[in-house]
């Protein structure tokens, strides 16, 4: 009975505070919560989502070191601790290569997303990660295999994804759209294979070169064609980098 009475007093006090706030013009807590959620979904909430994604990548990168710090030897014991250390070094190497592939795919995806193309951030990142996983499975698999065959199969398989973003328009000025985006999907898969093969610096360099081509190509085409960028309509410039 005493606890019920205390709960009623707390509820009554909370109700009185909400009523007083409403009388003073302050919104109730439910309205404040909805406003905060709505704010996080707008442009002001993007830094929070970016920070959350960065923390996720950081955990993906650091978790092998956390295992090493904890000195978890599972059931191997001291005599077989070197096996655990070798496995940990292998996981570190694979995690680093996978992270490089993810970074390359994310960069290209951000460029395509800024151009408002059908295949954006998630598509490019998943293509790079998938191709890297296939290559890592062949290189570090228990049975071994030819990495060249894995690269060839990835190149063939990603062609179906690239074909899905190409479509033919009804206008005469832009008969076919999405060819450049399909090429970007193909390049993202290639970057994943290169990063998984251990050529991390070369993969990052190729990624930067690809983004430069995607961003600068339309302006170069205007210069070569003899037209100024300022005189070109917005729709025409968008069609050029489709």
Protein backbone atom coordinates (compact mmCIF):
# COMPACT_ATOMS: atom_id res chain seq x y z
CA UNK A 1 0.00 0.00 0.00
CA UNK A 2 2.82 2.38 0.85
CA UNK A 3 4.57 1.71 -2.46
CA UNK A 4 1.30 2.28 -4.37
CA UNK A 5 0.83 5.56 -2.60
CA UNK A 6 4.37 6.67 -3.41
CA UNK A 7 3.90 5.73 -7.07
CA UNK A 8 0.68 7.72 -7.22
CA UNK A 9 2.43 10.74 -5.70
CA UNK A 10 5.25 10.51 -8.27
CA UNK A 11 2.75 10.19 -11.14
CA UNK A 12 0.74 13.09 -9.79
CA UNK A 13 3.89 15.20 -9.49
CA UNK A 14 4.95 14.38 -13.04
CA UNK A 15 1.49 15.18 -14.33
CA UNK A 16 1.53 18.47 -12.47
CA UNK A 17 4.92 19.36 -13.99
CA UNK A 18 3.70 18.56 -17.51
CA UNK A 19 0.52 20.55 -16.93
CA UNK A 20 2.52 23.49 -15.59
CA UNK A 21 4.84 23.35 -18.59
CA UNK A 22 1.90 23.23 -20.98
CA UNK A 23 0.34 26.21 -19.22
CA UNK A 24 3.61 28.10 -19.61
CA UNK A 25 3.76 27.26 -23.32
CA UNK A 26 6.36 24.47 -23.12
CA UNK A 27 5.69 21.32 -25.20
CA UNK A 28 5.21 17.97 -23.43
CA UNK A 29 8.09 15.44 -23.38
CA UNK A 30 6.49 13.31 -26.12
CA UNK A 31 6.44 16.29 -28.47
CA UNK A 32 10.05 17.11 -27.61
CA UNK A 33 11.07 13.52 -28.32
CA UNK A 34 9.33 13.60 -31.71
CA UNK A 35 11.00 16.90 -32.55
CA UNK A 36 14.44 15.50 -31.69
CA UNK A 37 13.83 12.43 -33.87
CA UNK A 38 12.64 14.65 -36.71
CA UNK A 39 15.73 16.82 -36.31
CA UNK A 40 18.04 13.82 -36.49
CA UNK A 41 16.44 12.80 -39.79
CA UNK A 42 17.22 16.17 -41.39
CA UNK A 43 20.55 17.55 -42.57
CA UNK A 44 21.52 18.43 -39.00
CA UNK A 45 21.42 14.74 -38.14
CA UNK A 46 23.90 13.76 -40.82
CA UNK A 47 26.98 14.39 -38.62
CA UNK A 48 25.56 11.95 -36.07
CA UNK A 49 25.06 9.29 -38.72
CA UNK A 50 28.53 9.91 -40.12
CA UNK A 51 30.02 9.59 -36.63
CA UNK A 52 28.12 6.35 -36.08
CA UNK A 53 29.43 4.93 -39.36
CA UNK A 54 32.96 6.01 -38.46
CA UNK A 55 32.73 4.29 -35.07
CA UNK A 56 31.48 1.12 -36.78
CA UNK A 57 34.47 1.12 -39.13
CA UNK A 58 36.77 1.82 -36.19
CA UNK A 59 35.43 -1.18 -34.30
CA UNK A 60 35.81 -3.31 -37.42
CA UNK A 61 39.44 -2.24 -37.65
CA UNK A 62 40.39 -2.55 -33.98
CA UNK A 63 38.64 -5.70 -32.82
CA UNK A 64 41.59 -8.02 -33.63
CA UNK A 65 43.79 -5.83 -31.44
CA UNK A 66 41.23 -6.00 -28.63
CA UNK A 67 41.45 -9.78 -28.75
CA UNK A 68 45.24 -9.55 -28.62
CA UNK A 69 45.16 -7.23 -25.62
CA UNK A 70 42.87 -9.57 -23.71
CA UNK A 71 45.30 -12.44 -24.39
CA UNK A 72 42.50 -14.84 -25.10
CA UNK A 73 44.09 -18.20 -25.89
CA UNK A 74 40.82 -20.17 -25.96
CA UNK A 75 41.55 -23.85 -25.42
CA UNK A 76 44.97 -23.99 -27.08
CA UNK A 77 46.94 -23.48 -23.91
CA UNK A 78 50.47 -22.11 -23.68
CA UNK A 79 52.00 -24.81 -25.87
CA UNK A 80 49.81 -23.86 -28.85
CA UNK A 81 49.71 -20.11 -28.28
CA UNK A 82 51.78 -19.50 -31.43
CA UNK A 83 48.94 -20.93 -33.52
CA UNK A 84 46.59 -18.36 -32.06
CA UNK A 85 49.06 -15.55 -32.74
CA UNK A 86 49.47 -16.63 -36.36
CA UNK A 87 45.71 -16.73 -36.78
CA UNK A 88 45.44 -13.28 -35.24
CA UNK A 89 48.03 -11.86 -37.63
CA UNK A 90 46.09 -13.35 -40.53
CA UNK A 91 42.85 -11.78 -39.31
CA UNK A 92 44.61 -8.42 -38.97
CA UNK A 93 45.88 -8.60 -42.52
CA UNK A 94 42.50 -9.58 -43.94
CA UNK A 95 40.73 -6.87 -41.91
CA UNK A 96 43.09 -4.20 -43.18
CA UNK A 97 42.63 -5.22 -46.81
CA UNK A 98 38.87 -5.38 -46.40
CA UNK A 99 38.87 -1.93 -44.81
CA UNK A 100 40.82 -0.50 -47.76
CA UNK A 101 38.33 -2.04 -50.18
CA UNK A 102 35.43 -0.60 -48.16
CA UNK A 103 37.04 2.84 -48.19
CA UNK A 104 37.52 2.80 -51.96
CA UNK A 105 33.94 1.70 -52.58
CA UNK A 106 32.61 4.33 -50.18
CA UNK A 107 34.53 7.14 -51.89
CA UNK A 108 33.22 6.21 -55.32
CA UNK A 109 29.73 5.73 -53.89
CA UNK A 110 29.76 9.20 -52.35
CA UNK A 111 30.71 10.70 -55.71
CA UNK A 112 27.88 8.87 -57.48
CA UNK A 113 25.43 9.79 -54.71
CA UNK A 114 26.35 13.47 -55.01
CA UNK A 115 25.54 13.21 -58.73
CA UNK A 116 22.16 11.61 -57.85
CA UNK A 117 22.77 8.39 -59.73
CA UNK A 118 20.87 5.08 -59.29
CA UNK A 119 23.87 3.20 -57.86
CA UNK A 120 25.09 5.25 -54.93
CA UNK A 121 26.91 4.84 -51.64
CA UNK A 122 25.60 1.47 -50.49
CA UNK A 123 25.72 -0.15 -53.91
CA UNK A 124 29.32 0.80 -54.65
CA UNK A 125 30.48 -0.10 -51.16
CA UNK A 126 28.81 -3.51 -51.24
CA UNK A 127 30.28 -4.26 -54.68
CA UNK A 128 33.79 -3.44 -53.45
CA UNK A 129 33.34 -5.43 -50.23
CA UNK A 130 31.88 -8.43 -52.04
CA UNK A 131 34.67 -8.60 -54.60
CA UNK A 132 37.25 -8.25 -51.82
CA UNK A 133 35.66 -11.09 -49.85
CA UNK A 134 35.72 -13.41 -52.85
CA UNK A 135 39.38 -12.61 -53.46
CA UNK A 136 40.32 -13.03 -49.79
CA UNK A 137 38.52 -16.37 -49.66
CA UNK A 138 40.60 -17.62 -52.59
CA UNK A 139 43.92 -16.25 -51.31
CA UNK A 140 43.58 -17.27 -47.66
CA UNK A 141 41.23 -20.23 -48.05
CA UNK A 142 42.10 -23.61 -46.60
CA UNK A 143 42.23 -25.29 -50.00
CA UNK A 144 43.95 -22.45 -51.83
CA UNK A 145 43.18 -21.39 -55.37
CA UNK A 146 44.10 -19.18 -58.28
CA UNK A 147 43.38 -15.50 -57.49
CA UNK A 148 43.31 -14.79 -61.21
CA UNK A 149 40.27 -16.99 -61.64
CA UNK A 150 38.53 -15.24 -58.76
CA UNK A 151 39.18 -11.85 -60.37
CA UNK A 152 37.83 -13.10 -63.69
CA UNK A 153 34.66 -14.45 -62.10
CA UNK A 154 34.12 -11.21 -60.16
CA UNK A 155 34.53 -9.20 -63.36
CA UNK A 156 31.96 -11.39 -65.10
CA UNK A 157 29.46 -11.41 -62.25
CA UNK A 158 29.50 -7.68 -61.64
CA UNK A 159 28.49 -7.12 -65.26
CA UNK A 160 24.91 -8.09 -64.38
CA UNK A 161 24.81 -5.36 -61.74
CA UNK A 162 26.20 -2.82 -64.18
CA UNK A 163 23.59 -3.77 -66.76
CA UNK A 164 20.86 -3.06 -64.23
CA UNK A 165 21.73 0.66 -63.98
CA UNK A 166 21.74 1.28 -67.76
CA UNK A 167 18.48 2.39 -69.29
CA UNK A 168 17.38 4.02 -72.54
CA UNK A 169 15.65 7.38 -72.39
CA UNK A 170 12.84 8.54 -74.64
CA UNK A 171 14.48 11.81 -75.65
CA UNK A 172 16.77 12.22 -78.62
CA UNK A 173 19.44 14.16 -76.70
CA UNK A 174 20.12 11.44 -74.12
CA UNK A 175 19.27 8.08 -75.71
CA UNK A 176 21.15 5.99 -73.13
CA UNK A 177 21.69 6.79 -69.45
CA UNK A 178 23.72 5.15 -66.69
CA UNK A 179 26.71 3.99 -68.73
CA UNK A 180 29.19 5.89 -66.56
CA UNK A 181 27.57 4.57 -63.38
CA UNK A 182 27.82 1.02 -64.73
CA UNK A 183 31.51 1.61 -65.41
CA UNK A 184 31.87 2.92 -61.84
CA UNK A 185 30.33 -0.32 -60.52
CA UNK A 186 32.83 -2.30 -62.58
CA UNK A 187 35.74 -0.18 -61.29
CA UNK A 188 34.54 -0.59 -57.68
CA UNK A 189 34.71 -4.35 -58.08
CA UNK A 190 38.21 -4.04 -59.53
CA UNK A 191 39.30 -1.87 -56.60
CA UNK A 192 38.00 -4.49 -54.18
CA UNK A 193 40.06 -7.18 -55.92
CA UNK A 194 43.18 -4.99 -55.97
CA UNK A 195 42.84 -4.09 -52.27
CA UNK A 196 42.27 -7.72 -51.29
CA UNK A 197 45.38 -8.72 -53.24
CA UNK A 198 47.53 -6.55 -50.97
CA UNK A 199 48.04 -3.55 -53.27
CA UNK A 200 46.46 -1.10 -50.83
CA UNK A 201 48.37 2.02 -51.90
CA UNK A 202 47.71 1.33 -55.56
CA UNK A 203 44.01 0.76 -54.82
CA UNK A 204 43.72 4.13 -53.06
CA UNK A 205 45.59 5.83 -55.91
CA UNK A 206 43.30 4.24 -58.50
CA UNK A 207 40.27 5.27 -56.43
CA UNK A 208 41.41 8.89 -56.39
CA UNK A 209 42.09 8.78 -60.11
CA UNK A 210 38.62 7.35 -60.76
CA UNK A 211 36.89 10.05 -58.72
CA UNK A 212 38.93 12.72 -60.54
CA UNK A 213 37.81 11.35 -63.90
CA UNK A 214 34.17 11.25 -62.80
CA UNK A 215 34.22 14.82 -61.50
CA UNK A 216 36.34 16.49 -64.17
CA UNK A 217 35.33 14.62 -67.33
CA UNK A 218 32.22 16.68 -68.09
CA UNK A 219 34.11 19.95 -67.78
CA UNK A 220 36.87 18.65 -70.02
CA UNK A 221 34.30 17.59 -72.60
CA UNK A 222 32.87 21.11 -72.58
CA UNK A 223 36.33 22.61 -73.06
CA UNK A 224 37.20 20.25 -75.90
CA UNK A 225 33.82 20.87 -77.51
CA UNK A 226 34.42 24.62 -77.46
CA UNK A 227 31.56 25.49 -75.08
CA UNK A 228 31.95 27.20 -71.76
CA UNK A 229 30.74 25.51 -68.61
CA UNK A 230 28.69 28.54 -67.61
CA UNK A 231 26.67 28.47 -70.87
CA UNK A 232 25.76 24.80 -70.58
CA UNK A 233 22.33 24.09 -69.02
CA UNK A 234 22.16 22.13 -65.80
CA UNK A 235 20.28 19.25 -67.46
CA UNK A 236 22.93 18.93 -70.16
CA UNK A 237 25.76 18.82 -67.64
CA UNK A 238 23.92 16.18 -65.64
CA UNK A 239 23.34 14.12 -68.77
CA UNK A 240 27.03 14.25 -69.59
CA UNK A 241 28.02 12.48 -66.36
CA UNK A 242 25.11 10.04 -66.31
